[in-house]
C-alpha cells in the first residue's frame, strides 16, 4: 500500500503538449522574452568575435610589426568585451524578471485553485504535499525558465557559431576535433539518463519529507504525549536517508561527467596542437588560425556541458510542472453555479428532503434524512459517534453535495445558490477552533471586516470574551500565535463565538462547541450561546445534553437515519432514544423523569 505522502517513483515521459503549456506562461511577457533572446544572440556573436580578433592581431599585425593596427585591434577587442558585459547585464536582469513574474503568476493560480477545492480534496491530499506543489515545484519551474530554457538558446547559438567559425578557419582541423565527439556524445547520453533519474527521485523524496514534517510538527503534542519521538525520528530518517542517497548519486554523476568534459576538451586541444602544429611547421596554416582555433575549442565544450546540465533541469521542471498541472486540472467537485442565486438576508427556514450522502461509493452516512426547521427555531442534533451529525452540517454548508435528495434554505436548494453568498450567512463554530496568525481584532472580524473597535468590543461583551481579552497584555491588539496556541481552549472557543456573532449570520451552527472546556467556561459559553441564538435559526450538536435545555426541537440520528424528531417535551413523553440519553446524563435526569411522568 502506497503512503499518501509519497510521490510515485515511476519513470515518466513528457510530451510536447506539457512543454507548450509551460511555455504558455511566458506569453504575457513575450516581448521581454524576445528582447532577452536578442540580447543572448548579441552576446554569442560578441563572444565569437574575440578569438577571431586574436587571429587578426597575430597574422595581420604582430607578424608584420604593425603596432598601430595592433592598437586598433586591442581597442576593438576591449569594445567587444564591454559590449558583451552590457548585453549580459541587461539580459540577466530581463531573464530573472521573467522568471520571478512567471513564478508569481503560477503560484497565485495554484493557491487560488486550492481555495476552490472541496473538503473531499483535502481528505485525499496531505497538506505537506500541497505545500510542495505551491512552493517547491513552482520554484523548480523558475529555475528552468530563465536559467534553463532561455539560456539554452545562448548555448545553441554559441555551438552553431563556433562550429561554423571552425569550419571557416580550417575544415581539416575541425575533422580532427570531431574524433572526440562520439565519446563526448556517449558520456553525455549516459549522464543525462542517470542524472535525470536521480533528480526525479530526489524531488519525490522532497515531497515525502515535507508532508511528513508538516504532519509531525502539527501533531507534536500527541507525538510527545505518546512517546513517539523515536518512531517519528526513525521514519523521518529513513526518508531523509533516501533523499541523501539521491543527492550523493547526483554528485557522483557530476563528479564523473564534468571532469570528463574537461578531459575531452583537453583531448581535442591536444589533437589540434599535434595536427595543427605540424601543419604550421610545414607552413600550411598561419599561427593566428591555430591560436584562434584553440580558443574556439575551449569555448566549444562549455556549452555542451551546460546543455547536459540544463537538460536535467528541464526534465526535473517537467516532472514538477506535471504535478502542478495535475493539481490545476483537478476539477472542483462542488463548483459554484454559473448563475448562482443570491439572497441579501436569509429568513432561516431549513429543510432536508430525503437527503442521502456517502463520502465514498455507496457507504451511506446519511440515509433518507428529512426534517424542517422554521425561521428562528433552534434544533439540537444528538446521536452516537458516527451517526452523521457533523455530516449533516457539512451538507448544509455545502462543503459536500448530497448524492440524493435536496437541502433547501428558504425554499432554495443550496446547490443552486452562490457558494459565497450561502456561506457568508452561516456561522459555524466547531470544537477544534482555528485562529489565524494576527491580532485579536483581525481574528474577530474575519467574516465582517467593516466592524470598528467599538462594535467588536460590544460583540465581545455579548459573548463573555471581553473580560479575558482585556486581561491580555495588549488587549485587542494582542498578537496571536499560529492557531492561537498562547490561549487556553476555553479562550479560543470564546473568541470563535465572538467571531460568529460579529459575522451576524442568519443561520448559526454549533458543532460540539462546548465539549472540551471546564465547567466555569461552559457556563460562560452557555450564556454566550443564548446571545448567539437569539433571533436566528440555530443548529446545535452536543454530547452534553445539559447545553440543549433551551432548544425548540431535537433531532436524533441513529446510523444515519432520523430516529426521532420533535420538541424536547414530545420526545421525553415518547420515552425513546432521547429519553434514555437524558437518563444517562446525570444533570438532566431529574427533569427528564419528572417530564415523563406528566
Protein backbone atom coordinates (compact mmCIF):
# COMPACT_ATOMS: atom_id res chain seq x y z
CA UNK A 1 0.00 0.00 0.00
CA UNK A 2 1.42 3.38 -1.05
CA UNK A 3 1.63 6.11 1.59
CA UNK A 4 -0.36 9.19 0.55
CA UNK A 5 2.60 11.36 1.49
CA UNK A 6 4.84 9.66 -1.06
CA UNK A 7 5.30 10.56 -4.69
CA UNK A 8 5.40 7.95 -7.40
CA UNK A 9 8.94 6.92 -8.31
CA UNK A 10 7.94 5.56 -11.71
CA UNK A 11 9.74 6.88 -14.77
CA UNK A 12 7.65 9.35 -16.70
CA UNK A 13 7.92 10.72 -20.19
CA UNK A 14 6.76 14.17 -21.09
CA UNK A 15 5.27 15.19 -24.40
CA UNK A 16 5.43 18.49 -26.20
CA UNK A 17 1.91 19.33 -25.02
CA UNK A 18 3.18 19.67 -21.47
CA UNK A 19 6.18 21.68 -22.67
CA UNK A 20 3.96 24.03 -24.68
CA UNK A 21 1.73 24.52 -21.65
CA UNK A 22 4.73 25.63 -19.59
CA UNK A 23 5.77 28.00 -22.36
CA UNK A 24 2.26 29.42 -22.31
CA UNK A 25 3.11 31.17 -19.05
CA UNK A 26 5.71 33.19 -20.95
CA UNK A 27 3.08 34.57 -23.34
CA UNK A 28 2.25 37.69 -21.27
CA UNK A 29 5.96 38.52 -21.28
CA UNK A 30 6.73 37.58 -24.89
CA UNK A 31 8.24 40.98 -25.68
CA UNK A 32 10.63 40.65 -22.74
CA UNK A 33 11.44 37.08 -23.80
CA UNK A 34 12.14 38.21 -27.38
CA UNK A 35 14.38 41.02 -26.13
CA UNK A 36 16.20 38.59 -23.83
CA UNK A 37 16.83 36.15 -26.69
CA UNK A 38 18.00 39.02 -28.88
CA UNK A 39 20.47 40.07 -26.20
CA UNK A 40 21.64 36.45 -25.90
CA UNK A 41 22.22 36.36 -29.65
CA UNK A 42 24.25 39.56 -29.38
CA UNK A 43 26.30 38.10 -26.51
CA UNK A 44 27.01 34.96 -28.54
CA UNK A 45 28.19 36.98 -31.53
CA UNK A 46 30.40 39.19 -29.38
CA UNK A 47 31.93 36.13 -27.68
CA UNK A 48 32.67 34.62 -31.10
CA UNK A 49 34.43 37.80 -32.18
CA UNK A 50 37.19 37.52 -29.54
CA UNK A 51 39.19 34.57 -30.95
CA UNK A 52 38.84 35.90 -34.50
CA UNK A 53 40.21 39.29 -33.43
CA UNK A 54 43.12 37.40 -31.87
CA UNK A 55 43.76 35.70 -35.23
CA UNK A 56 43.74 39.07 -37.00
CA UNK A 57 46.07 40.60 -34.41
CA UNK A 58 48.61 37.77 -34.79
CA UNK A 59 48.55 37.25 -38.56
CA UNK A 60 47.95 40.79 -39.81
CA UNK A 61 49.70 42.97 -37.24
CA UNK A 62 52.06 41.16 -34.84
CA UNK A 63 53.65 39.12 -37.63
CA UNK A 64 54.43 42.27 -39.63
CA UNK A 65 55.21 44.52 -36.62
CA UNK A 66 52.19 46.78 -37.26
CA UNK A 67 51.82 48.41 -33.83
CA UNK A 68 49.21 50.95 -34.93
CA UNK A 69 46.96 48.19 -36.29
CA UNK A 70 47.57 46.18 -33.11
CA UNK A 71 46.37 49.16 -31.02
CA UNK A 72 43.20 49.37 -33.08
CA UNK A 73 42.53 45.65 -32.62
CA UNK A 74 43.16 45.96 -28.88
CA UNK A 75 40.64 48.84 -28.63
CA UNK A 76 38.15 46.88 -30.71
CA UNK A 77 38.67 43.83 -28.50
CA UNK A 78 38.04 45.96 -25.40
CA UNK A 79 34.86 47.32 -27.00
CA UNK A 80 33.69 43.77 -27.71
CA UNK A 81 34.25 42.80 -24.07
CA UNK A 82 32.42 45.89 -22.85
CA UNK A 83 29.53 45.26 -25.24
CA UNK A 84 29.28 41.63 -24.10
CA UNK A 85 29.23 42.76 -20.47
CA UNK A 86 26.44 45.30 -21.06
CA UNK A 87 24.34 42.82 -23.03
CA UNK A 88 24.82 40.09 -20.41
CA UNK A 89 23.91 42.50 -17.62
CA UNK A 90 20.60 43.56 -19.15
CA UNK A 91 19.87 40.04 -20.36
CA UNK A 92 20.31 38.67 -16.82
CA UNK A 93 18.00 41.34 -15.38
CA UNK A 94 15.36 40.55 -18.00
CA UNK A 95 15.74 36.80 -17.54
CA UNK A 96 15.32 36.92 -13.77
CA UNK A 97 12.41 39.36 -14.03
CA UNK A 98 10.60 36.99 -16.39
CA UNK A 99 11.24 34.03 -14.10
CA UNK A 100 10.02 35.83 -10.98
CA UNK A 101 6.87 37.10 -12.68
CA UNK A 102 6.01 33.68 -14.11
CA UNK A 103 6.59 32.12 -10.70
CA UNK A 104 4.33 34.75 -9.12
CA UNK A 105 1.57 34.11 -11.68
CA UNK A 106 1.74 30.34 -11.35
CA UNK A 107 1.93 30.29 -7.56
CA UNK A 108 -1.03 32.68 -7.37
CA UNK A 109 -3.00 30.46 -9.74
CA UNK A 110 -2.22 27.31 -7.72
CA UNK A 111 -3.10 28.99 -4.42
CA UNK A 112 -6.39 30.34 -5.80
CA UNK A 113 -7.28 26.92 -7.24
CA UNK A 114 -6.62 25.19 -3.91
CA UNK A 115 -9.03 27.63 -2.24
CA UNK A 116 -11.79 26.49 -4.58
CA UNK A 117 -11.39 22.81 -3.82
CA UNK A 118 -13.90 20.89 -1.73
CA UNK A 119 -13.30 19.22 1.62
CA UNK A 120 -13.04 15.82 -0.07
CA UNK A 121 -9.99 17.05 -1.97
CA UNK A 122 -8.20 17.84 1.29
CA UNK A 123 -9.29 14.46 2.65
CA UNK A 124 -7.25 12.85 -0.14
CA UNK A 125 -4.25 15.19 -0.28
CA UNK A 126 -1.91 15.81 2.67
CA UNK A 127 -1.14 19.45 3.40
CA UNK A 128 2.61 18.93 3.02
CA UNK A 129 2.05 17.64 -0.50
CA UNK A 130 0.10 20.77 -1.44
CA UNK A 131 2.79 22.96 0.12
CA UNK A 132 5.38 21.22 -2.05
CA UNK A 133 3.29 21.90 -5.16
CA UNK A 134 2.82 25.57 -4.32
CA UNK A 135 6.37 26.33 -3.19
CA UNK A 136 8.99 23.80 -4.27
CA UNK A 137 7.58 22.68 -7.63
CA UNK A 138 6.89 26.25 -8.72
CA UNK A 139 10.43 27.20 -7.70
CA UNK A 140 11.80 24.43 -9.94
CA UNK A 141 9.95 25.96 -12.88
CA UNK A 142 11.53 29.29 -12.01
CA UNK A 143 14.92 27.61 -12.28
CA UNK A 144 14.03 26.23 -15.69
CA UNK A 145 12.50 29.21 -17.47
CA UNK A 146 15.30 31.76 -17.04
CA UNK A 147 18.28 29.59 -16.13
CA UNK A 148 17.43 26.60 -18.29
CA UNK A 149 15.15 27.24 -21.23
CA UNK A 150 16.23 30.72 -22.27
CA UNK A 151 19.94 30.06 -21.75
CA UNK A 152 19.64 27.02 -23.99
CA UNK A 153 19.35 29.49 -26.86
CA UNK A 154 22.67 31.01 -25.84
CA UNK A 155 24.36 27.60 -25.80
CA UNK A 156 22.85 26.63 -29.14
CA UNK A 157 23.85 29.95 -30.73
CA UNK A 158 27.36 29.54 -29.36
CA UNK A 159 27.72 25.93 -30.54
CA UNK A 160 26.45 26.63 -34.04
CA UNK A 161 28.53 29.79 -34.31
CA UNK A 162 31.72 28.09 -33.14
CA UNK A 163 31.13 25.16 -35.48
CA UNK A 164 30.84 27.45 -38.50
CA UNK A 165 33.84 29.51 -37.40
CA UNK A 166 35.95 26.35 -37.06
CA UNK A 167 34.82 25.12 -40.45
CA UNK A 168 35.58 28.51 -42.00
CA UNK A 169 39.02 28.78 -40.40
CA UNK A 170 40.17 25.24 -41.34
CA UNK A 171 37.82 22.34 -42.02
CA UNK A 172 40.60 19.76 -41.74
CA UNK A 173 41.40 20.85 -38.17
CA UNK A 174 37.65 20.58 -37.47
CA UNK A 175 37.69 16.95 -38.60
CA UNK A 176 40.49 16.24 -36.11
CA UNK A 177 38.36 17.68 -33.31
CA UNK A 178 35.39 15.57 -34.42
CA UNK A 179 37.33 12.45 -33.44
CA UNK A 180 36.45 13.06 -29.77
CA UNK A 181 32.79 13.91 -30.36
CA UNK A 182 31.44 10.29 -30.39
CA UNK A 183 32.96 9.69 -26.94
CA UNK A 184 31.55 13.00 -25.74
CA UNK A 185 28.08 12.11 -27.07
CA UNK A 186 28.14 8.72 -25.33
CA UNK A 187 29.21 10.28 -21.99
CA UNK A 188 26.56 12.98 -22.26
CA UNK A 189 23.82 10.45 -23.01
CA UNK A 190 24.83 8.23 -20.08
CA UNK A 191 25.00 11.20 -17.72
CA UNK A 192 21.66 12.60 -18.85
CA UNK A 193 19.75 9.36 -18.19
CA UNK A 194 21.28 8.67 -14.78
CA UNK A 195 21.23 12.24 -13.53
CA UNK A 196 17.59 12.65 -14.61
CA UNK A 197 16.60 9.58 -12.61
CA UNK A 198 18.45 10.82 -9.52
CA UNK A 199 16.92 14.29 -9.75
CA UNK A 200 13.41 12.90 -10.24
CA UNK A 201 13.64 10.64 -7.22
CA UNK A 202 15.17 13.46 -5.22
CA UNK A 203 12.09 15.61 -5.89
CA UNK A 204 9.78 12.74 -4.90
CA UNK A 205 11.59 12.26 -1.59
CA UNK A 206 11.45 16.02 -1.03
CA UNK A 207 7.65 15.90 -1.25
CA UNK A 208 7.51 12.99 1.20
CA UNK A 209 9.76 14.85 3.63
CA UNK A 210 7.60 17.99 3.50
CA UNK A 211 4.41 16.01 4.09
CA UNK A 212 5.88 14.03 6.96
CA UNK A 213 7.42 17.12 8.54
CA UNK A 214 4.12 19.04 8.39
CA UNK A 215 2.25 16.13 9.94
CA UNK A 216 4.79 15.65 12.74
CA UNK A 217 5.06 19.32 13.67
CA UNK A 218 1.28 19.78 13.63
CA UNK A 219 0.86 16.82 15.95
CA UNK A 220 3.90 17.41 18.17
CA UNK A 221 1.80 17.44 21.33
CA UNK A 222 0.43 13.99 20.52
CA UNK A 223 3.86 12.73 19.47
CA UNK A 224 5.37 13.68 22.83
CA UNK A 225 2.34 12.57 24.82
CA UNK A 226 2.54 9.03 23.42
CA UNK A 227 6.37 8.93 23.42
CA UNK A 228 6.52 8.60 19.63
CA UNK A 229 9.64 10.75 19.22
CA UNK A 230 11.91 7.82 18.40
CA UNK A 231 9.47 6.24 15.94
CA UNK A 232 8.79 9.52 14.14
CA UNK A 233 12.51 10.28 14.07
CA UNK A 234 13.29 6.87 12.59
CA UNK A 235 10.66 7.28 9.86
CA UNK A 236 11.91 10.76 9.05
CA UNK A 237 15.50 9.49 8.98
CA UNK A 238 14.59 6.73 6.52
CA UNK A 239 13.12 9.19 4.04
CA UNK A 240 15.91 11.68 4.66
CA UNK A 241 18.46 8.92 4.02
CA UNK A 242 16.79 8.11 0.70
CA UNK A 243 16.99 11.76 -0.28
CA UNK A 244 20.64 11.91 0.81
CA UNK A 245 21.33 8.83 -1.31
CA UNK A 246 19.91 10.53 -4.40
CA UNK A 247 21.81 13.75 -3.62
CA UNK A 248 25.06 11.81 -3.39
CA UNK A 249 24.22 9.90 -6.55
CA UNK A 250 23.76 13.21 -8.38
CA UNK A 251 27.08 14.43 -7.01
CA UNK A 252 28.75 11.22 -8.17
CA UNK A 253 27.45 11.63 -11.72
CA UNK A 254 28.54 15.27 -11.77
CA UNK A 255 31.96 14.39 -10.40
CA UNK A 256 32.43 11.91 -13.25
CA UNK A 257 30.80 13.76 -16.12
CA UNK A 258 32.06 17.31 -15.60
CA UNK A 259 35.75 16.32 -15.44
CA UNK A 260 35.16 14.08 -18.49
CA UNK A 261 34.17 17.22 -20.42
CA UNK A 262 37.49 18.75 -19.45
CA UNK A 263 39.21 15.52 -20.49
CA UNK A 264 37.57 15.56 -23.93
CA UNK A 265 38.32 19.25 -24.25
CA UNK A 266 41.98 18.59 -23.43
CA UNK A 267 42.00 15.72 -25.94
CA UNK A 268 40.54 17.99 -28.62
CA UNK A 269 43.09 20.69 -27.84
CA UNK A 270 45.88 18.08 -27.93
CA UNK A 271 44.76 16.88 -31.36
CA UNK A 272 44.66 20.47 -32.65
CA UNK A 273 48.13 21.20 -31.28
CA UNK A 274 49.51 17.95 -32.70
CA UNK A 275 47.87 18.14 -36.12
CA UNK A 276 47.68 21.92 -36.43
CA UNK A 277 51.18 22.43 -35.07
CA UNK A 278 52.59 20.04 -37.66
CA UNK A 279 50.81 21.91 -40.43
CA UNK A 280 52.07 25.25 -39.08
CA UNK A 281 55.63 23.96 -39.11
CA UNK A 282 55.05 22.98 -42.73
CA UNK A 283 53.64 26.49 -43.43
CA UNK A 284 50.22 25.09 -44.34
CA UNK A 285 48.33 27.33 -41.86
CA UNK A 286 49.01 30.62 -40.14
CA UNK A 287 49.81 30.89 -36.43
CA UNK A 288 46.79 33.14 -35.86
CA UNK A 289 44.46 30.48 -37.24
CA UNK A 290 45.94 27.89 -34.88
CA UNK A 291 45.63 30.18 -31.84
CA UNK A 292 42.05 31.16 -32.72
CA UNK A 293 41.20 27.50 -33.27
CA UNK A 294 42.49 26.63 -29.80
CA UNK A 295 40.41 29.42 -28.24
CA UNK A 296 37.28 28.29 -30.07
CA UNK A 297 37.85 24.69 -28.98
CA UNK A 298 37.94 25.79 -25.33
CA UNK A 299 34.65 27.63 -25.81
CA UNK A 300 33.10 24.73 -27.78
CA UNK A 301 32.96 22.26 -24.88
CA UNK A 302 31.47 24.68 -22.33
CA UNK A 303 28.01 24.85 -23.99
CA UNK A 304 27.95 21.05 -24.32
CA UNK A 305 28.45 20.67 -20.59
CA UNK A 306 25.86 23.37 -19.91
CA UNK A 307 23.33 21.74 -22.23
CA UNK A 308 23.60 18.42 -20.40
CA UNK A 309 23.00 20.13 -17.05
CA UNK A 310 20.18 22.28 -18.42
CA UNK A 311 18.52 19.23 -19.93
CA UNK A 312 18.27 17.70 -16.48
CA UNK A 313 16.92 20.98 -15.10
CA UNK A 314 14.27 20.92 -17.81
CA UNK A 315 13.45 17.26 -17.10
CA UNK A 316 13.08 17.98 -13.40
CA UNK A 317 10.95 21.02 -14.20
CA UNK A 318 8.76 18.90 -16.47
CA UNK A 319 8.17 16.50 -13.59
CA UNK A 320 7.27 19.43 -11.34
CA UNK A 321 5.07 21.02 -13.99
CA UNK A 322 3.19 17.75 -14.49
CA UNK A 323 2.43 17.65 -10.76
CA UNK A 324 1.38 21.32 -10.79
CA UNK A 325 -0.88 20.87 -13.82
CA UNK A 326 -2.30 17.70 -12.32
CA UNK A 327 -3.37 19.84 -9.37
CA UNK A 328 -4.66 22.68 -11.56
CA UNK A 329 -6.59 20.22 -13.73
CA UNK A 330 -8.32 18.66 -10.73
CA UNK A 331 -11.90 19.85 -11.20
CA UNK A 332 -13.93 21.47 -8.48
CA UNK A 333 -16.14 18.74 -7.09
CA UNK A 334 -18.51 21.40 -5.80
CA UNK A 335 -18.44 24.12 -8.47
CA UNK A 336 -20.17 27.42 -8.00
CA UNK A 337 -23.34 27.57 -10.17
CA UNK A 338 -22.90 29.69 -13.29
CA UNK A 339 -25.87 31.84 -12.32
CA UNK A 340 -25.96 31.08 -8.62
CA UNK A 341 -28.86 32.57 -6.72
CA UNK A 342 -28.06 35.19 -4.12
CA UNK A 343 -30.16 36.30 -1.18
CA UNK A 344 -29.44 39.51 0.70
CA UNK A 345 -30.56 38.05 4.03
CA UNK A 346 -31.85 34.55 4.75
CA UNK A 347 -35.04 34.27 6.75
CA UNK A 348 -33.61 30.98 8.05
CA UNK A 349 -36.06 28.20 7.12
CA UNK A 350 -34.01 25.00 6.73
CA UNK A 351 -35.39 21.90 5.06
CA UNK A 352 -33.81 18.49 4.49
CA UNK A 353 -35.83 16.49 1.94
CA UNK A 354 -34.94 12.76 1.73
CA UNK A 355 -31.21 13.57 1.84
CA UNK A 356 -28.70 10.75 1.36
CA UNK A 357 -24.95 11.17 1.41
CA UNK A 358 -21.86 8.95 1.23
CA UNK A 359 -18.21 10.01 1.40
CA UNK A 360 -17.21 7.00 -0.69
CA UNK A 361 -19.17 4.90 -3.16
CA UNK A 362 -22.45 3.82 -1.56
CA UNK A 363 -21.31 3.65 2.03
CA UNK A 364 -24.16 5.92 3.10
CA UNK A 365 -23.59 8.16 6.11
CA UNK A 366 -26.94 9.94 5.82
CA UNK A 367 -29.94 7.84 4.82
CA UNK A 368 -33.26 9.35 3.81
CA UNK A 369 -32.94 12.29 6.23
CA UNK A 370 -35.96 14.62 6.23
CA UNK A 371 -36.90 17.39 8.64
CA UNK A 372 -37.88 21.06 8.62
CA UNK A 373 -36.64 23.86 10.85
CA UNK A 374 -38.70 27.02 10.73
CA UNK A 375 -37.33 30.55 10.75
CA UNK A 376 -35.74 31.45 14.11
CA UNK A 377 -36.09 27.96 15.59
CA UNK A 378 -33.29 26.11 17.34
CA UNK A 379 -32.51 22.46 16.71
CA UNK A 380 -30.44 20.06 18.80
CA UNK A 381 -28.87 17.20 16.84
CA UNK A 382 -27.93 14.23 19.03
CA UNK A 383 -26.77 10.71 18.39
CA UNK A 384 -23.90 8.32 18.84
CA UNK A 385 -20.47 8.94 17.35
CA UNK A 386 -20.60 8.21 13.62
CA UNK A 387 -24.35 8.70 13.35
CA UNK A 388 -23.93 11.51 10.81
CA UNK A 389 -24.28 14.66 12.93
CA UNK A 390 -21.28 16.57 11.53
CA UNK A 391 -22.01 15.25 8.05
CA UNK A 392 -25.43 16.89 8.30
CA UNK A 393 -23.70 20.24 8.85
CA UNK A 394 -21.22 19.64 6.02
CA UNK A 395 -24.10 19.09 3.60
CA UNK A 396 -25.97 22.16 4.87
CA UNK A 397 -22.91 24.39 4.33
CA UNK A 398 -22.32 22.66 1.01
CA UNK A 399 -18.85 21.51 1.92
CA UNK A 400 -20.09 18.30 0.30
CA UNK A 401 -23.01 17.75 -2.07
CA UNK A 402 -25.69 15.23 -1.18
CA UNK A 403 -25.95 12.45 -3.77
CA UNK A 404 -29.72 12.19 -3.32
CA UNK A 405 -32.44 14.49 -2.06
CA UNK A 406 -32.24 18.22 -1.50
CA UNK A 407 -31.23 20.67 1.19
CA UNK A 408 -33.17 23.92 0.95
CA UNK A 409 -32.88 27.25 2.72
CA UNK A 410 -35.94 29.48 2.39
CA UNK A 411 -37.13 27.11 -0.31
CA UNK A 412 -33.99 27.45 -2.46
CA UNK A 413 -31.79 24.33 -2.98
CA UNK A 414 -28.31 25.06 -1.64
CA UNK A 415 -26.68 23.64 -4.78
CA UNK A 416 -28.40 26.38 -6.79
CA UNK A 417 -27.07 29.16 -4.55
CA UNK A 418 -23.88 31.10 -4.94
CA UNK A 419 -21.49 29.33 -2.56
CA UNK A 420 -20.03 32.52 -1.15
CA UNK A 421 -23.47 34.02 -0.56
CA UNK A 422 -24.58 30.82 1.17
CA UNK A 423 -21.60 30.52 3.49
CA UNK A 424 -21.49 34.24 4.24
CA UNK A 425 -24.81 33.88 6.05
CA UNK A 426 -23.93 30.73 8.02
CA UNK A 427 -21.67 30.89 11.07
CA UNK A 428 -20.07 27.58 12.02
CA UNK A 429 -18.43 27.18 15.43
CA UNK A 430 -16.53 23.91 15.79
CA UNK A 431 -14.90 22.08 18.66
CA UNK A 432 -11.43 22.49 17.16
CA UNK A 433 -11.12 26.26 16.82
CA UNK A 434 -8.78 27.60 14.14
CA UNK A 435 -7.35 31.06 14.76
CA UNK A 436 -5.13 32.82 12.25
CA UNK A 437 -1.81 34.47 12.99
CA UNK A 438 -2.52 38.12 13.70
CA UNK A 439 -4.11 40.15 16.46
CA UNK A 440 -7.39 39.55 18.28
CA UNK A 441 -9.26 42.19 16.26
CA UNK A 442 -8.29 40.63 12.94
CA UNK A 443 -9.48 37.21 14.07
CA UNK A 444 -12.83 38.55 15.28
CA UNK A 445 -13.68 40.39 12.08
CA UNK A 446 -12.69 37.62 9.68
CA UNK A 447 -16.31 37.38 8.48
CA UNK A 448 -17.10 41.10 8.77
CA UNK A 449 -14.07 43.30 8.03
CA UNK A 450 -16.07 46.53 8.32
CA UNK A 451 -16.51 46.38 12.11
CA UNK A 452 -14.77 49.09 14.13
CA UNK A 453 -13.21 48.52 17.55
CA UNK A 454 -16.25 49.76 19.46
CA UNK A 455 -18.54 47.34 17.64
CA UNK A 456 -16.08 44.49 18.21
CA UNK A 457 -15.97 45.24 21.93
CA UNK A 458 -19.77 45.27 22.07
CA UNK A 459 -19.89 41.85 20.41
CA UNK A 460 -17.19 40.53 22.75
CA UNK A 461 -19.18 41.64 25.81
CA UNK A 462 -22.27 39.87 24.46
CA UNK A 463 -20.48 36.50 24.39
CA UNK A 464 -18.39 36.94 27.56
CA UNK A 465 -14.99 37.18 25.84
CA UNK A 466 -14.35 40.87 26.58
CA UNK A 467 -13.12 40.15 30.12
CA UNK A 468 -10.29 37.79 29.19
CA UNK A 469 -9.32 39.93 26.17
CA UNK A 470 -8.95 42.95 28.46
CA UNK A 471 -6.59 40.88 30.63
CA UNK A 472 -4.22 40.27 27.69
CA UNK A 473 -1.08 42.47 27.70
CA UNK A 474 -2.09 44.30 24.51
CA UNK A 475 -5.81 43.57 24.82
CA UNK A 476 -7.46 43.66 21.38
CA UNK A 477 -4.12 44.36 19.71
CA UNK A 478 -2.57 41.23 21.21
CA UNK A 479 -0.81 39.17 18.56
CA UNK A 480 -1.85 35.52 18.49
CA UNK A 481 0.49 32.70 17.61
CA UNK A 482 -0.40 30.18 14.92
CA UNK A 483 -3.77 28.57 15.79
CA UNK A 484 -3.93 30.75 18.93
CA UNK A 485 -1.54 28.48 20.82
CA UNK A 486 -0.99 31.03 23.60
CA UNK A 487 -4.68 30.92 24.54
CA UNK A 488 -6.49 28.25 26.50
CA UNK A 489 -9.07 26.02 24.83
CA UNK A 490 -11.87 27.97 26.53
CA UNK A 491 -10.45 31.32 25.44
CA UNK A 492 -10.13 30.13 21.86
CA UNK A 493 -13.73 28.92 21.97
CA UNK A 494 -14.95 32.24 23.34
CA UNK A 495 -13.10 34.01 20.51
CA UNK A 496 -14.78 31.72 17.99
CA UNK A 497 -18.18 32.65 19.49
CA UNK A 498 -17.24 36.32 19.18
CA UNK A 499 -16.20 35.80 15.58
CA UNK A 500 -19.50 34.06 14.83
CA UNK A 501 -21.63 36.83 16.34
CA UNK A 502 -19.55 39.52 14.59
CA UNK A 503 -20.48 37.88 11.30
CA UNK A 504 -24.18 38.47 12.13
CA UNK A 505 -25.31 35.22 10.44
CA UNK A 506 -28.84 34.20 9.55
CA UNK A 507 -28.08 30.59 10.49
CA UNK A 508 -25.89 29.55 13.41
CA UNK A 509 -24.29 26.11 13.65
CA UNK A 510 -22.51 24.90 16.79
CA UNK A 511 -20.67 21.62 16.32
CA UNK A 512 -19.55 20.28 19.71
CA UNK A 513 -18.57 23.85 20.58
CA UNK A 514 -18.64 23.31 24.38
CA UNK A 515 -17.35 19.77 24.71
CA UNK A 516 -13.69 20.48 25.54
CA UNK A 517 -13.94 23.14 28.24
CA UNK A 518 -14.20 23.21 32.03
CA UNK A 519 -17.44 23.80 33.92
CA UNK A 520 -16.84 27.51 34.53
CA UNK A 521 -16.03 28.16 30.88
CA UNK A 522 -19.01 26.04 29.85
CA UNK A 523 -21.25 28.34 31.88
CA UNK A 524 -19.81 31.35 30.07
CA UNK A 525 -20.29 29.60 26.73
CA UNK A 526 -23.88 28.70 27.54
CA UNK A 527 -24.62 32.35 28.29
CA UNK A 528 -22.86 33.25 25.02
CA UNK A 529 -24.94 30.67 23.15
CA UNK A 530 -28.16 32.34 24.27
CA UNK A 531 -27.00 35.65 22.81
CA UNK A 532 -25.77 33.95 19.67
CA UNK A 533 -29.02 32.05 19.09
CA UNK A 534 -31.33 34.99 19.76
CA UNK A 535 -33.28 35.92 16.62
CA UNK A 536 -31.64 33.42 14.27
CA UNK A 537 -32.09 29.82 13.19
CA UNK A 538 -29.68 27.63 15.16
CA UNK A 539 -28.44 24.07 14.90
CA UNK A 540 -26.52 22.70 17.89
CA UNK A 541 -24.60 19.43 18.03
CA UNK A 542 -23.57 18.44 21.54
CA UNK A 543 -22.95 15.37 23.66
CA UNK A 544 -23.61 17.34 26.84
CA UNK A 545 -27.38 17.39 26.82
CA UNK A 546 -27.36 19.97 29.61
CA UNK A 547 -26.42 22.54 26.96
CA UNK A 548 -29.61 21.81 24.98
CA UNK A 549 -32.26 22.76 27.53
CA UNK A 550 -33.48 25.81 25.63
CA UNK A 551 -33.77 24.38 22.09
CA UNK A 552 -37.10 24.27 20.26
CA UNK A 553 -36.65 20.91 18.55
CA UNK A 554 -34.50 17.78 18.83
CA UNK A 555 -33.29 15.55 16.00
CA UNK A 556 -31.98 12.13 16.99
CA UNK A 557 -29.82 10.36 14.42
CA UNK A 558 -29.09 6.66 14.53
CA UNK A 559 -26.79 5.10 11.93
CA UNK A 560 -27.51 7.96 9.55
CA UNK A 561 -31.28 7.83 9.81
CA UNK A 562 -33.75 10.08 11.62
CA UNK A 563 -34.73 8.04 14.68
CA UNK A 564 -36.70 10.78 16.44
CA UNK A 565 -37.70 14.37 15.68
CA UNK A 566 -39.85 16.79 17.65
CA UNK A 567 -39.85 19.09 20.64
CA UNK A 568 -38.00 18.11 23.82
CA UNK A 569 -41.26 17.52 25.64
CA UNK A 570 -42.62 15.31 22.85
CA UNK A 571 -39.53 13.12 22.80
CA UNK A 572 -39.38 12.86 26.59
CA UNK A 573 -43.01 11.73 26.73
CA UNK A 574 -42.22 9.23 23.96
CA UNK A 575 -39.59 7.64 26.24
CA UNK A 576 -37.43 6.66 23.27
CA UNK A 577 -33.76 7.19 22.46
CA UNK A 578 -33.65 10.81 23.57
CA UNK A 579 -35.28 9.96 26.89
CA UNK A 580 -32.72 7.22 27.52
CA UNK A 581 -29.90 9.66 26.68
CA UNK A 582 -31.29 12.07 29.24
CA UNK A 583 -31.38 9.35 31.88
CA UNK A 584 -27.70 8.63 31.23
CA UNK A 585 -26.94 12.32 31.65
CA UNK A 586 -26.98 12.93 35.41
CA UNK A 587 -27.53 16.69 35.04
CA UNK A 588 -30.87 16.25 33.24
CA UNK A 589 -32.13 13.00 34.74
CA UNK A 590 -34.48 14.58 37.24
CA UNK A 591 -36.01 16.87 34.62
CA UNK A 592 -36.50 14.02 32.19
CA UNK A 593 -38.04 11.75 34.76
CA UNK A 594 -40.45 14.40 36.02
CA UNK A 595 -41.37 15.43 32.49
CA UNK A 596 -42.01 11.83 31.57
CA UNK A 597 -44.47 11.44 34.42
CA UNK A 598 -46.59 14.46 33.38
